[in-house]
Protein backbone atom coordinates (compact mmCIF):
# COMPACT_ATOMS: atom_id res chain seq x y z
CA UNK A 1 -41.29 -31.04 295.46
CA UNK A 2 -44.67 -29.48 294.87
CA UNK A 3 -45.38 -28.15 298.35
CA UNK A 4 -47.71 -31.08 299.02
CA UNK A 5 -47.62 -31.11 302.82
CA UNK A 6 -48.98 -34.02 304.83
CA UNK A 7 -49.53 -35.11 308.38
CA UNK A 8 -48.81 -38.56 309.83
CA UNK A 9 -50.46 -38.93 313.25
CA UNK A 10 -50.47 -41.89 315.60
CA UNK A 11 -53.07 -41.55 318.37
CA UNK A 12 -51.66 -43.70 321.17
CA UNK A 13 -48.96 -46.36 321.40
CA UNK A 14 -48.12 -48.25 324.59
CA UNK A 15 -44.42 -48.37 325.43
CA UNK A 16 -43.50 -51.11 327.88
CA UNK A 17 -40.52 -52.18 329.92
CA UNK A 18 -37.51 -50.69 328.14
CA UNK A 19 -38.31 -52.37 324.82
CA UNK A 20 -37.36 -50.15 321.88
CA UNK A 21 -40.32 -49.58 319.59
CA UNK A 22 -40.88 -47.66 316.38
CA UNK A 23 -43.85 -45.34 316.79
CA UNK A 24 -44.02 -44.03 313.19
CA UNK A 25 -42.13 -44.97 310.03
CA UNK A 26 -42.31 -42.93 306.82
CA UNK A 27 -41.29 -44.44 303.49
CA UNK A 28 -40.37 -42.01 300.71
CA UNK A 29 -41.56 -42.77 297.16
CA UNK A 30 -38.98 -44.51 294.96
CA UNK A 31 -38.09 -41.55 292.79
CA UNK A 32 -38.22 -38.46 294.97
CA UNK A 33 -37.20 -37.10 298.34
CA UNK A 34 -39.42 -36.07 301.23
CA UNK A 35 -38.78 -33.17 303.62
CA UNK A 36 -39.59 -33.48 307.31
CA UNK A 37 -40.83 -30.06 308.44
CA UNK A 38 -41.59 -30.86 312.09
CA UNK A 39 -42.42 -33.71 314.42
CA UNK A 40 -43.49 -34.31 317.99
CA UNK A 41 -43.99 -36.97 320.65
CA UNK A 42 -46.05 -36.58 323.83
CA UNK A 43 -46.19 -38.96 326.78
CA UNK A 44 -48.94 -39.49 329.37
CA UNK A 45 -46.80 -40.53 332.35
CA UNK A 46 -48.02 -39.82 335.87
CA UNK A 47 -44.96 -40.64 338.00
CA UNK A 48 -42.57 -37.69 338.43
CA UNK A 49 -39.64 -39.92 339.44
CA UNK A 50 -39.73 -42.26 336.44
CA UNK A 51 -36.66 -42.34 334.22
CA UNK A 52 -36.63 -40.50 330.87
CA UNK A 53 -37.77 -42.06 327.63
CA UNK A 54 -35.06 -42.45 325.01
CA UNK A 55 -36.29 -40.97 321.71
CA UNK A 56 -34.46 -41.41 318.40
CA UNK A 57 -35.02 -40.14 314.88
CA UNK A 58 -33.28 -42.57 312.59
CA UNK A 59 -32.94 -44.01 309.15
CA UNK A 60 -34.22 -47.57 309.03
CA UNK A 61 -32.76 -50.09 306.59
CA UNK A 62 -35.69 -52.53 306.63
CA UNK A 63 -39.43 -52.14 306.89
CA UNK A 64 -40.17 -54.56 309.74
CA UNK A 65 -43.75 -55.78 310.07
CA UNK A 66 -46.43 -53.16 310.70
CA UNK A 67 -49.74 -51.69 309.60
CA UNK A 68 -49.98 -49.01 306.93
CA UNK A 69 -52.05 -45.93 307.72
CA UNK A 70 -53.28 -42.97 305.70
CA UNK A 71 -51.52 -39.64 305.56
CA UNK A 72 -53.63 -36.48 305.54
CA UNK A 73 -53.05 -33.55 303.17
CA UNK A 74 -52.70 -30.25 304.98
CA UNK A 75 -54.13 -28.43 301.93
CA UNK A 76 -56.92 -30.54 300.43
CA UNK A 77 -57.27 -28.16 297.47
CA UNK A 78 -54.10 -29.69 295.95
CA UNK A 79 -55.14 -32.39 293.49
CA UNK A 80 -51.94 -34.48 293.57
CA UNK A 81 -51.90 -37.74 295.51
CA UNK A 82 -49.54 -38.22 298.43
CA UNK A 83 -46.99 -40.85 297.42
CA UNK A 84 -45.22 -41.17 300.78
CA UNK A 85 -46.46 -44.07 302.90
CA UNK A 86 -46.58 -44.46 306.68
CA UNK A 87 -46.56 -47.42 309.06
CA UNK A 88 -47.41 -47.96 312.73
CA UNK A 89 -48.15 -50.77 315.23
CA UNK A 90 -44.98 -52.79 314.67
CA UNK A 91 -44.94 -56.50 315.51
CA UNK A 92 -41.41 -56.92 314.11
CA UNK A 93 -39.07 -53.95 314.48
CA UNK A 94 -37.26 -52.48 311.45
CA UNK A 95 -33.46 -52.60 311.32
CA UNK A 96 -31.83 -49.44 312.65
CA UNK A 97 -29.61 -47.40 310.40
CA UNK A 98 -28.07 -43.99 311.05
CA UNK A 99 -29.31 -42.18 314.15
CA UNK A 100 -29.97 -38.58 313.09
CA UNK A 101 -31.16 -37.20 316.45
CA UNK A 102 -31.57 -38.55 319.98
CA UNK A 103 -33.20 -37.15 323.10
CA UNK A 104 -34.05 -38.17 326.67
CA UNK A 105 -37.55 -36.93 327.49
CA UNK A 106 -39.32 -37.13 330.85
CA UNK A 107 -42.40 -39.40 330.57
CA UNK A 108 -44.70 -36.60 331.85
CA UNK A 109 -43.63 -34.35 328.99
CA UNK A 110 -43.04 -34.46 325.26
CA UNK A 111 -40.99 -32.87 322.54
CA UNK A 112 -41.87 -30.69 319.55
CA UNK A 113 -39.14 -30.22 316.92
CA UNK A 114 -39.74 -27.66 314.13
CA UNK A 115 -36.98 -27.32 311.55
CA UNK A 116 -35.71 -24.00 310.24
CA UNK A 117 -36.17 -23.40 306.50
CA UNK A 118 -33.31 -25.09 304.67
CA UNK A 119 -32.40 -27.30 307.66
CA UNK A 120 -35.22 -29.86 307.37
CA UNK A 121 -34.50 -33.58 307.52
CA UNK A 122 -34.59 -35.25 304.10
CA UNK A 123 -35.70 -38.81 303.40
CA UNK A 124 -34.03 -39.98 300.18
CA UNK A 125 -36.20 -41.64 297.54
CA UNK A 126 -37.19 -45.19 298.49
CA UNK A 127 -35.74 -45.03 302.02
CA UNK A 128 -37.28 -44.98 305.50
CA UNK A 129 -37.26 -42.67 308.50
CA UNK A 130 -38.56 -43.70 311.91
CA UNK A 131 -39.39 -42.23 315.30
CA UNK A 132 -38.36 -44.79 317.90
CA UNK A 133 -38.78 -44.81 321.70
CA UNK A 134 -37.55 -46.89 324.63
CA UNK A 135 -39.28 -46.26 327.96
CA UNK A 136 -37.86 -47.80 331.17
CA UNK A 137 -41.38 -47.64 332.67
CA UNK A 138 -44.70 -48.26 330.92
CA UNK A 139 -46.14 -45.12 329.33
CA UNK A 140 -48.28 -44.22 326.32
CA UNK A 141 -47.14 -41.93 323.53
CA UNK A 142 -48.89 -39.98 320.79
CA UNK A 143 -46.84 -38.80 317.84
CA UNK A 144 -46.93 -36.88 314.60
CA UNK A 145 -44.71 -36.01 311.65
CA UNK A 146 -45.43 -33.17 309.22
CA UNK A 147 -43.69 -33.65 305.88
CA UNK A 148 -43.65 -32.32 302.34
CA UNK A 149 -43.31 -33.93 298.94
């Protein structure tokens, strides 16, 4: 890893009626691992009595069908190209693998998860990591992942 840090940001995704949906999927390059330094999800709910949103960080064993989007270097003075790819706006959900973390978050709030040095999540070469949500009530979510190659 060459300390090439990147940001994957998804502006707004609509979550509807308790359907599980992947908000962001990262795909590590074939021959090297990617560190997840921090991530966050933030909801725009307005009803204080709505049920929590189920949030999962998980390995995904298939890619599903989605749109690719560009990652942004956090230090644009580094000349290397980001090799990790990112996907959003899924029309066919990926297959779930191991669930690494799970949370229940109120739809008027969000979650920010920074990892301590040495405890970051690792995406193995050629594999996928996703942030997935299921909201009992309709709500929008914005999300980001900060990673490092």
